[in-house]
Amino acid sequence: MLALALVGCGSKEEGKKYPVQADVISVDQAAQSATLAMGKVGDWMDAMTMEFPVKPDRDLAKLHTGDHIEATVVVQGQKYYVTGVKVVSKK
């Protein structure tokens, strides 16, 4: 029974992952987040501009206003964040 509980916890923590492309509108180092304008995110969200937490810190450090990025949005229940950031062009 414990093994089943642990398996359930592991899959819950991983969440759903969606590949995205986005434009960086602003970066807030103190809040560890960035405001991103992106297209539709899989079956989770329509296209919009909103603030996303960015993890880990080294991915946040890559971001600058005006960058165009490829990344992954991870959704875990009501929580979400951006990771795996790759800057593909700068304005």
PDB file of N, CA and C in Angstrom:
ATOM      1  N   MET A   1       0.824  -1.188   0.000  1.00  0.00           N
ATOM      2  CA  MET A   1       0.000   0.000   0.000  1.00  0.00           C
ATOM      3  C   MET A   1       0.875   1.261   0.000  1.00  0.00           C
ATOM      4  N   LEU A   2       1.930   1.252   0.790  1.00  0.00           N
ATOM      5  CA  LEU A   2       2.849   2.388   0.823  1.00  0.00           C
ATOM      6  C   LEU A   2       3.468   2.621  -0.547  1.00  0.00           C
ATOM      7  N   ALA A   3       3.817   1.546  -1.244  1.00  0.00           N
ATOM      8  CA  ALA A   3       4.406   1.678  -2.581  1.00  0.00           C
ATOM      9  C   ALA A   3       3.450   2.376  -3.531  1.00  0.00           C
ATOM     10  N   LEU A   4       2.173   2.034  -3.469  1.00  0.00           N
ATOM     11  CA  LEU A   4       1.184   2.685  -4.324  1.00  0.00           C
ATOM     12  C   LEU A   4       1.060   4.168  -3.989  1.00  0.00           C
ATOM     13  N   ALA A   5       1.093   4.496  -2.722  1.00  0.00           N
ATOM     14  CA  ALA A   5       1.015   5.901  -2.311  1.00  0.00           C
ATOM     15  C   ALA A   5       2.218   6.680  -2.818  1.00  0.00           C
ATOM     16  N   LEU A   6       3.396   6.085  -2.742  1.00  0.00           N
ATOM     17  CA  LEU A   6       4.603   6.762  -3.220  1.00  0.00           C
ATOM     18  C   LEU A   6       4.571   6.949  -4.732  1.00  0.00           C
ATOM     19  N   VAL A   7       4.093   5.957  -5.458  1.00  0.00           N
ATOM     20  CA  VAL A   7       3.985   6.088  -6.914  1.00  0.00           C
ATOM     21  C   VAL A   7       3.027   7.216  -7.262  1.00  0.00           C
ATOM     22  N   GLY A   8       1.902   7.282  -6.570  1.00  0.00           N
ATOM     23  CA  GLY A   8       0.933   8.350  -6.814  1.00  0.00           C
ATOM     24  C   GLY A   8       1.507   9.718  -6.532  1.00  0.00           C
ATOM     25  N   CYS A   9       2.275   9.857  -5.472  1.00  0.00           N
ATOM     26  CA  CYS A   9       2.886  11.142  -5.130  1.00  0.00           C
ATOM     27  C   CYS A   9       3.899  11.557  -6.183  1.00  0.00           C
ATOM     28  N   GLY A  10       4.679  10.621  -6.666  1.00  0.00           N
ATOM     29  CA  GLY A  10       5.697  10.949  -7.661  1.00  0.00           C
ATOM     30  C   GLY A  10       5.095  11.472  -8.939  1.00  0.00           C
ATOM     31  N   SER A  11       4.048  10.845  -9.433  1.00  0.00           N
ATOM     32  CA  SER A  11       3.456  11.291 -10.691  1.00  0.00           C
ATOM     33  C   SER A  11       2.738  12.617 -10.514  1.00  0.00           C
ATOM     34  N   LYS A  12       2.184  12.854  -9.329  1.00  0.00           N
ATOM     35  CA  LYS A  12       1.482  14.107  -9.061  1.00  0.00           C
ATOM     36  C   LYS A  12       2.469  15.274  -9.063  1.00  0.00           C
ATOM     37  N   GLU A  13       3.651  15.076  -8.487  1.00  0.00           N
ATOM     38  CA  GLU A  13       4.641  16.139  -8.393  1.00  0.00           C
ATOM     39  C   GLU A  13       5.187  16.526  -9.766  1.00  0.00           C
ATOM     40  N   GLU A  14       5.281  15.564 -10.668  1.00  0.00           N
ATOM     41  CA  GLU A  14       5.853  15.856 -11.974  1.00  0.00           C
ATOM     42  C   GLU A  14       4.957  16.779 -12.793  1.00  0.00           C
ATOM     43  N   GLY A  15       3.663  16.591 -12.779  1.00  0.00           N
ATOM     44  CA  GLY A  15       2.723  17.439 -13.483  1.00  0.00           C
ATOM     45  C   GLY A  15       2.728  17.224 -14.979  1.00  0.00           C
ATOM     46  N   LYS A  16       1.912  18.025 -15.670  1.00  0.00           N
ATOM     47  CA  LYS A  16       1.845  17.987 -17.128  1.00  0.00           C
ATOM     48  C   LYS A  16       2.847  18.981 -17.688  1.00  0.00           C
ATOM     49  N   LYS A  17       3.463  18.626 -18.806  1.00  0.00           N
ATOM     50  CA  LYS A  17       4.470  19.488 -19.421  1.00  0.00           C
ATOM     51  C   LYS A  17       4.030  19.869 -20.821  1.00  0.00           C
ATOM     52  N   TYR A  18       4.191  21.164 -21.138  1.00  0.00           N
ATOM     53  CA  TYR A  18       3.791  21.691 -22.437  1.00  0.00           C
ATOM     54  C   TYR A  18       4.943  22.488 -23.052  1.00  0.00           C
ATOM     55  N   PRO A  19       5.364  22.162 -24.264  1.00  0.00           N
ATOM     56  CA  PRO A  19       6.376  22.983 -24.933  1.00  0.00           C
ATOM     57  C   PRO A  19       5.732  24.296 -25.388  1.00  0.00           C
ATOM     58  N   VAL A  20       6.470  25.399 -25.235  1.00  0.00           N
ATOM     59  CA  VAL A  20       5.937  26.714 -25.623  1.00  0.00           C
ATOM     60  C   VAL A  20       7.015  27.562 -26.288  1.00  0.00           C
ATOM     61  N   GLN A  21       6.549  28.535 -27.031  1.00  0.00           N
ATOM     62  CA  GLN A  21       7.387  29.624 -27.525  1.00  0.00           C
ATOM     63  C   GLN A  21       6.761  30.901 -26.998  1.00  0.00           C
ATOM     64  N   ALA A  22       7.599  31.843 -26.590  1.00  0.00           N
ATOM     65  CA  ALA A  22       7.070  33.057 -25.969  1.00  0.00           C
ATOM     66  C   ALA A  22       8.021  34.229 -26.172  1.00  0.00           C
ATOM     67  N   ASP A  23       7.460  35.433 -26.049  1.00  0.00           N
ATOM     68  CA  ASP A  23       8.248  36.660 -26.027  1.00  0.00           C
ATOM     69  C   ASP A  23       8.308  37.143 -24.583  1.00  0.00           C
ATOM     70  N   VAL A  24       9.496  37.544 -24.148  1.00  0.00           N
ATOM     71  CA  VAL A  24       9.679  38.025 -22.780  1.00  0.00           C
ATOM     72  C   VAL A  24       9.296  39.506 -22.734  1.00  0.00           C
ATOM     73  N   ILE A  25       8.278  39.807 -21.955  1.00  0.00           N
ATOM     74  CA  ILE A  25       7.796  41.188 -21.809  1.00  0.00           C
ATOM     75  C   ILE A  25       8.559  41.896 -20.695  1.00  0.00           C
ATOM     76  N   SER A  26       8.772  41.185 -19.584  1.00  0.00           N
ATOM     77  CA  SER A  26       9.545  41.743 -18.468  1.00  0.00           C
ATOM     78  C   SER A  26      10.056  40.606 -17.597  1.00  0.00           C
ATOM     79  N   VAL A  27      11.068  40.927 -16.784  1.00  0.00           N
ATOM     80  CA  VAL A  27      11.668  39.955 -15.869  1.00  0.00           C
ATOM     81  C   VAL A  27      11.714  40.587 -14.482  1.00  0.00           C
ATOM     82  N   ASP A  28      11.277  39.836 -13.478  1.00  0.00           N
ATOM     83  CA  ASP A  28      11.301  40.298 -12.087  1.00  0.00           C
ATOM     84  C   ASP A  28      12.178  39.329 -11.290  1.00  0.00           C
ATOM     85  N   GLN A  29      13.457  39.698 -11.146  1.00  0.00           N
ATOM     86  CA  GLN A  29      14.404  38.830 -10.444  1.00  0.00           C
ATOM     87  C   GLN A  29      13.977  38.582  -8.996  1.00  0.00           C
ATOM     88  N   ALA A  30      13.479  39.613  -8.327  1.00  0.00           N
ATOM     89  CA  ALA A  30      13.094  39.491  -6.919  1.00  0.00           C
ATOM     90  C   ALA A  30      11.957  38.485  -6.728  1.00  0.00           C
ATOM     91  N   ALA A  31      11.019  38.475  -7.654  1.00  0.00           N
ATOM     92  CA  ALA A  31       9.878  37.555  -7.564  1.00  0.00           C
ATOM     93  C   ALA A  31      10.168  36.225  -8.257  1.00  0.00           C
ATOM     94  N   GLN A  32      11.343  36.106  -8.866  1.00  0.00           N
ATOM     95  CA  GLN A  32      11.744  34.912  -9.618  1.00  0.00           C
ATOM     96  C   GLN A  32      10.706  34.545 -10.673  1.00  0.00           C
ATOM     97  N   SER A  33      10.297  35.578 -11.447  1.00  0.00           N
ATOM     98  CA  SER A  33       9.264  35.370 -12.454  1.00  0.00           C
ATOM     99  C   SER A  33       9.518  36.230 -13.675  1.00  0.00           C
ATOM    100  N   ALA A  34       8.778  35.911 -14.730  1.00  0.00           N
ATOM    101  CA  ALA A  34       8.854  36.695 -15.968  1.00  0.00           C
ATOM    102  C   ALA A  34       7.454  36.806 -16.549  1.00  0.00           C
ATOM    103  N   THR A  35       7.167  37.952 -17.142  1.00  0.00           N
ATOM    104  CA  THR A  35       5.916  38.130 -17.856  1.00  0.00           C
ATOM    105  C   THR A  35       6.166  37.717 -19.293  1.00  0.00           C
ATOM    106  N   LEU A  36       5.393  36.738 -19.758  1.00  0.00           N
ATOM    107  CA  LEU A  36       5.594  36.150 -21.080  1.00  0.00           C
ATOM    108  C   LEU A  36       4.330  36.258 -21.917  1.00  0.00           C
ATOM    109  N   ALA A  37       4.511  36.574 -23.200  1.00  0.00           N
ATOM    110  CA  ALA A  37       3.415  36.562 -24.169  1.00  0.00           C
ATOM    111  C   ALA A  37       3.580  35.296 -24.986  1.00  0.00           C
ATOM    112  N   MET A  38       2.594  34.388 -24.864  1.00  0.00           N
ATOM    113  CA  MET A  38       2.738  33.111 -25.560  1.00  0.00           C
ATOM    114  C   MET A  38       1.432  32.687 -26.205  1.00  0.00           C
ATOM    115  N   GLY A  39       1.574  31.784 -27.140  1.00  0.00           N
ATOM    116  CA  GLY A  39       0.410  31.213 -27.795  1.00  0.00           C
ATOM    117  C   GLY A  39      -0.267  30.210 -26.881  1.00  0.00           C
ATOM    118  N   LYS A  40      -1.210  29.489 -27.439  1.00  0.00           N
ATOM    119  CA  LYS A  40      -1.964  28.477 -26.701  1.00  0.00           C
ATOM    120  C   LYS A  40      -1.010  27.462 -26.077  1.00  0.00           C
ATOM    121  N   VAL A  41      -1.292  27.093 -24.835  1.00  0.00           N
ATOM    122  CA  VAL A  41      -0.478  26.123 -24.114  1.00  0.00           C
ATOM    123  C   VAL A  41      -1.276  24.820 -24.025  1.00  0.00           C
ATOM    124  N   GLY A  42      -1.063  23.944 -25.007  1.00  0.00           N
ATOM    125  CA  GLY A  42      -1.744  22.647 -25.037  1.00  0.00           C
ATOM    126  C   GLY A  42      -3.225  22.761 -24.752  1.00  0.00           C
ATOM    127  N   ASP A  43      -3.720  21.886 -23.886  1.00  0.00           N
ATOM    128  CA  ASP A  43      -5.127  21.913 -23.485  1.00  0.00           C
ATOM    129  C   ASP A  43      -5.324  22.661 -22.165  1.00  0.00           C
ATOM    130  N   TRP A  44      -4.272  23.379 -21.734  1.00  0.00           N
ATOM    131  CA  TRP A  44      -4.312  24.044 -20.435  1.00  0.00           C
ATOM    132  C   TRP A  44      -4.754  25.495 -20.502  1.00  0.00           C
ATOM    133  N   MET A  45      -4.293  26.252 -21.512  1.00  0.00           N
ATOM    134  CA  MET A  45      -4.538  27.689 -21.522  1.00  0.00           C
ATOM    135  C   MET A  45      -4.513  28.228 -22.948  1.00  0.00           C
ATOM    136  N   ASP A  46      -5.421  29.175 -23.224  1.00  0.00           N
ATOM    137  CA  ASP A  46      -5.398  29.874 -24.510  1.00  0.00           C
ATOM    138  C   ASP A  46      -4.258  30.878 -24.524  1.00  0.00           C
ATOM    139  N   ALA A  47      -3.970  31.426 -25.700  1.00  0.00           N
ATOM    140  CA  ALA A  47      -2.906  32.418 -25.847  1.00  0.00           C
ATOM    141  C   ALA A  47      -3.173  33.613 -24.934  1.00  0.00           C
ATOM    142  N   MET A  48      -2.120  34.063 -24.241  1.00  0.00           N
ATOM    143  CA  MET A  48      -2.242  35.249 -23.390  1.00  0.00           C
ATOM    144  C   MET A  48      -0.873  35.701 -22.899  1.00  0.00           C
ATOM    145  N   THR A  49      -0.872  36.856 -22.275  1.00  0.00           N
ATOM    146  CA  THR A  49       0.327  37.388 -21.639  1.00  0.00           C
ATOM    147  C   THR A  49       0.097  37.343 -20.140  1.00  0.00           C
ATOM    148  N   MET A  50       1.027  36.694 -19.421  1.00  0.00           N
ATOM    149  CA  MET A  50       0.883  36.610 -17.968  1.00  0.00           C
ATOM    150  C   MET A  50       2.232  36.339 -17.317  1.00  0.00           C
ATOM    151  N   GLU A  51       2.268  36.504 -16.008  1.00  0.00           N
ATOM    152  CA  GLU A  51       3.487  36.283 -15.238  1.00  0.00           C
ATOM    153  C   GLU A  51       3.615  34.800 -14.885  1.00  0.00           C
ATOM    154  N   PHE A  52       4.811  34.273 -15.079  1.00  0.00           N
ATOM    155  CA  PHE A  52       5.104  32.876 -14.763  1.00  0.00           C
ATOM    156  C   PHE A  52       6.308  32.796 -13.833  1.00  0.00           C
ATOM    157  N   PRO A  53       6.242  31.987 -12.792  1.00  0.00           N
ATOM    158  CA  PRO A  53       7.457  31.677 -12.042  1.00  0.00           C
ATOM    159  C   PRO A  53       8.416  30.957 -12.995  1.00  0.00           C
ATOM    160  N   VAL A  54       9.728  31.178 -12.833  1.00  0.00           N
ATOM    161  CA  VAL A  54      10.733  30.524 -13.675  1.00  0.00           C
ATOM    162  C   VAL A  54      11.676  29.744 -12.772  1.00  0.00           C
ATOM    163  N   LYS A  55      11.861  28.462 -13.077  1.00  0.00           N
ATOM    164  CA  LYS A  55      12.740  27.589 -12.297  1.00  0.00           C
ATOM    165  C   LYS A  55      13.661  26.847 -13.250  1.00  0.00           C
ATOM    166  N   PRO A  56      14.841  26.562 -12.894  1.00  0.00           N
ATOM    167  CA  PRO A  56      15.596  27.026 -11.731  1.00  0.00           C
ATOM    168  C   PRO A  56      16.128  28.439 -11.961  1.00  0.00           C
ATOM    169  N   ASP A  57      16.856  28.960 -10.985  1.00  0.00           N
ATOM    170  CA  ASP A  57      17.393  30.320 -11.067  1.00  0.00           C
ATOM    171  C   ASP A  57      18.250  30.530 -12.311  1.00  0.00           C
ATOM    172  N   ARG A  58      18.989  29.510 -12.743  1.00  0.00           N
ATOM    173  CA  ARG A  58      19.851  29.673 -13.927  1.00  0.00           C
ATOM    174  C   ARG A  58      19.014  29.917 -15.183  1.00  0.00           C
ATOM    175  N   ASP A  59      17.791  29.391 -15.243  1.00  0.00           N
ATOM    176  CA  ASP A  59      16.915  29.673 -16.378  1.00  0.00           C
ATOM    177  C   ASP A  59      16.409  31.107 -16.313  1.00  0.00           C
ATOM    178  N   LEU A  60      16.066  31.580 -15.124  1.00  0.00           N
ATOM    179  CA  LEU A  60      15.626  32.963 -14.961  1.00  0.00           C
ATOM    180  C   LEU A  60      16.728  33.927 -15.376  1.00  0.00           C
ATOM    181  N   ALA A  61      17.968  33.610 -15.048  1.00  0.00           N
ATOM    182  CA  ALA A  61      19.111  34.478 -15.364  1.00  0.00           C
ATOM    183  C   ALA A  61      19.315  34.635 -16.874  1.00  0.00           C
ATOM    184  N   LYS A  62      18.819  33.705 -17.668  1.00  0.00           N
ATOM    185  CA  LYS A  62      18.960  33.771 -19.137  1.00  0.00           C
ATOM    186  C   LYS A  62      18.025  34.801 -19.768  1.00  0.00           C
ATOM    187  N   LEU A  63      16.972  35.183 -19.060  1.00  0.00           N
ATOM    188  CA  LEU A  63      15.907  35.988 -19.654  1.00  0.00           C
ATOM    189  C   LEU A  63      16.156  37.490 -19.591  1.00  0.00           C
ATOM    190  N   HIS A  64      15.837  38.147 -20.704  1.00  0.00           N
ATOM    191  CA  HIS A  64      15.900  39.604 -20.801  1.00  0.00           C
ATOM    192  C   HIS A  64      14.695  40.084 -21.605  1.00  0.00           C
ATOM    193  N   THR A  65      14.200  41.263 -21.258  1.00  0.00           N
ATOM    194  CA  THR A  65      13.085  41.843 -21.993  1.00  0.00           C
ATOM    195  C   THR A  65      13.409  41.866 -23.489  1.00  0.00           C
ATOM    196  N   GLY A  66      12.457  41.384 -24.294  1.00  0.00           N
ATOM    197  CA  GLY A  66      12.621  41.369 -25.744  1.00  0.00           C
ATOM    198  C   GLY A  66      13.098  40.038 -26.293  1.00  0.00           C
ATOM    199  N   ASP A  67      13.545  39.129 -25.444  1.00  0.00           N
ATOM    200  CA  ASP A  67      13.975  37.815 -25.920  1.00  0.00           C
ATOM    201  C   ASP A  67      12.782  37.013 -26.430  1.00  0.00           C
ATOM    202  N   HIS A  68      13.034  36.156 -27.408  1.00  0.00           N
ATOM    203  CA  HIS A  68      12.064  35.148 -27.836  1.00  0.00           C
ATOM    204  C   HIS A  68      12.620  33.819 -27.351  1.00  0.00           C
ATOM    205  N   ILE A  69      11.790  33.044 -26.650  1.00  0.00           N
ATOM    206  CA  ILE A  69      12.282  31.815 -26.027  1.00  0.00           C
ATOM    207  C   ILE A  69      11.472  30.591 -26.428  1.00  0.00           C
ATOM    208  N   GLU A  70      12.114  29.454 -26.244  1.00  0.00           N
ATOM    209  CA  GLU A  70      11.434  28.165 -26.238  1.00  0.00           C
ATOM    210  C   GLU A  70      11.618  27.642 -24.825  1.00  0.00           C
ATOM    211  N   ALA A  71      10.567  27.041 -24.274  1.00  0.00           N
ATOM    212  CA  ALA A  71      10.633  26.550 -22.894  1.00  0.00           C
ATOM    213  C   ALA A  71       9.566  25.492 -22.688  1.00  0.00           C
ATOM    214  N   THR A  72       9.452  25.054 -21.452  1.00  0.00           N
ATOM    215  CA  THR A  72       8.424  24.097 -21.061  1.00  0.00           C
ATOM    216  C   THR A  72       7.624  24.692 -19.915  1.00  0.00           C
ATOM    217  N   VAL A  73       6.299  24.656 -20.036  1.00  0.00           N
ATOM    218  CA  VAL A  73       5.431  25.035 -18.924  1.00  0.00           C
ATOM    219  C   VAL A  73       5.047  23.746 -18.207  1.00  0.00           C
ATOM    220  N   VAL A  74       5.280  23.720 -16.900  1.00  0.00           N
ATOM    221  CA  VAL A  74       4.913  22.573 -16.074  1.00  0.00           C
ATOM    222  C   VAL A  74       3.712  22.986 -15.230  1.00  0.00           C
ATOM    223  N   VAL A  75       2.651  22.183 -15.274  1.00  0.00           N
ATOM    224  CA  VAL A  75       1.428  22.459 -14.522  1.00  0.00           C
ATOM    225  C   VAL A  75       1.220  21.335 -13.512  1.00  0.00           C
ATOM    226  N   GLN A  76       1.130  21.729 -12.244  1.00  0.00           N
ATOM    227  CA  GLN A  76       0.923  20.778 -11.146  1.00  0.00           C
ATOM    228  C   GLN A  76      -0.301  21.238 -10.360  1.00  0.00           C
ATOM    229  N   GLY A  77      -1.457  20.748 -10.721  1.00  0.00           N
ATOM    230  CA  GLY A  77      -2.693  21.187 -10.067  1.00  0.00           C
ATOM    231  C   GLY A  77      -2.925  22.660 -10.344  1.00  0.00           C
ATOM    232  N   GLN A  78      -2.987  23.478  -9.288  1.00  0.00           N
ATOM    233  CA  GLN A  78      -3.192  24.918  -9.428  1.00  0.00           C
ATOM    234  C   GLN A  78      -1.887  25.689  -9.606  1.00  0.00           C
ATOM    235  N   LYS A  79      -0.755  25.016  -9.453  1.00  0.00           N
ATOM    236  CA  LYS A  79       0.547  25.672  -9.573  1.00  0.00           C
ATOM    237  C   LYS A  79       1.139  25.417 -10.953  1.00  0.00           C
ATOM    238  N   TYR A  80       1.973  26.347 -11.400  1.00  0.00           N
ATOM    239  CA  TYR A  80       2.617  26.228 -12.706  1.00  0.00           C
ATOM    240  C   TYR A  80       3.920  27.006 -12.685  1.00  0.00           C
ATOM    241  N   TYR A  81       4.825  26.641 -13.608  1.00  0.00           N
ATOM    242  CA  TYR A  81       6.070  27.376 -13.752  1.00  0.00           C
ATOM    243  C   TYR A  81       6.672  27.075 -15.116  1.00  0.00           C
ATOM    244  N   VAL A  82       7.662  27.886 -15.490  1.00  0.00           N
ATOM    245  CA  VAL A  82       8.380  27.723 -16.755  1.00  0.00           C
ATOM    246  C   VAL A  82       9.768  27.203 -16.433  1.00  0.00           C
ATOM    247  N   THR A  83      10.261  26.277 -17.245  1.00  0.00           N
ATOM    248  CA  THR A  83      11.595  25.714 -17.071  1.00  0.00           C
ATOM    249  C   THR A  83      12.154  25.342 -18.437  1.00  0.00           C
ATOM    250  N   GLY A  84      13.416  24.926 -18.460  1.00  0.00           N
ATOM    251  CA  GLY A  84      14.032  24.502 -19.713  1.00  0.00           C
ATOM    252  C   GLY A  84      14.131  25.621 -20.736  1.00  0.00           C
ATOM    253  N   VAL A  85      14.453  26.813 -20.269  1.00  0.00           N
ATOM    254  CA  VAL A  85      14.479  28.008 -21.128  1.00  0.00           C
ATOM    255  C   VAL A  85      15.640  27.981 -22.110  1.00  0.00           C
ATOM    256  N   LYS A  86      15.320  28.266 -23.362  1.00  0.00           N
ATOM    257  CA  LYS A  86      16.323  28.428 -24.411  1.00  0.00           C
ATOM    258  C   LYS A  86      15.995  29.718 -25.169  1.00  0.00           C
ATOM    259  N   VAL A  87      16.907  30.687 -25.130  1.00  0.00           N
ATOM    260  CA  VAL A  87      16.703  31.937 -25.866  1.00  0.00           C
ATOM    261  C   VAL A  87      17.031  31.662 -27.334  1.00  0.00           C
ATOM    262  N   VAL A  88      16.033  31.887 -28.215  1.00  0.00           N
ATOM    263  CA  VAL A  88      16.243  31.586 -29.622  1.00  0.00           C
ATOM    264  C   VAL A  88      16.492  32.849 -30.449  1.00  0.00           C
ATOM    265  N   SER A  89      16.054  33.999 -29.960  1.00  0.00           N
ATOM    266  CA  SER A  89      16.399  35.260 -30.634  1.00  0.00           C
ATOM    267  C   SER A  89      16.169  36.422 -29.689  1.00  0.00           C
ATOM    268  N   LYS A  90      16.872  37.506 -29.980  1.00  0.00           N
ATOM    269  CA  LYS A  90      16.754  38.725 -29.182  1.00  0.00           C
ATOM    270  C   LYS A  90      16.284  39.846 -30.084  1.00  0.00           C
ATOM    271  N   LYS A  91      15.496  40.734 -29.515  1.00  0.00           N
ATOM    272  CA  LYS A  91      15.021  41.893 -30.289  1.00  0.00           C
ATOM    273  C   LYS A  91      16.005  43.023 -30.191  1.00  0.00           C
TER     274      LYS A  91
END
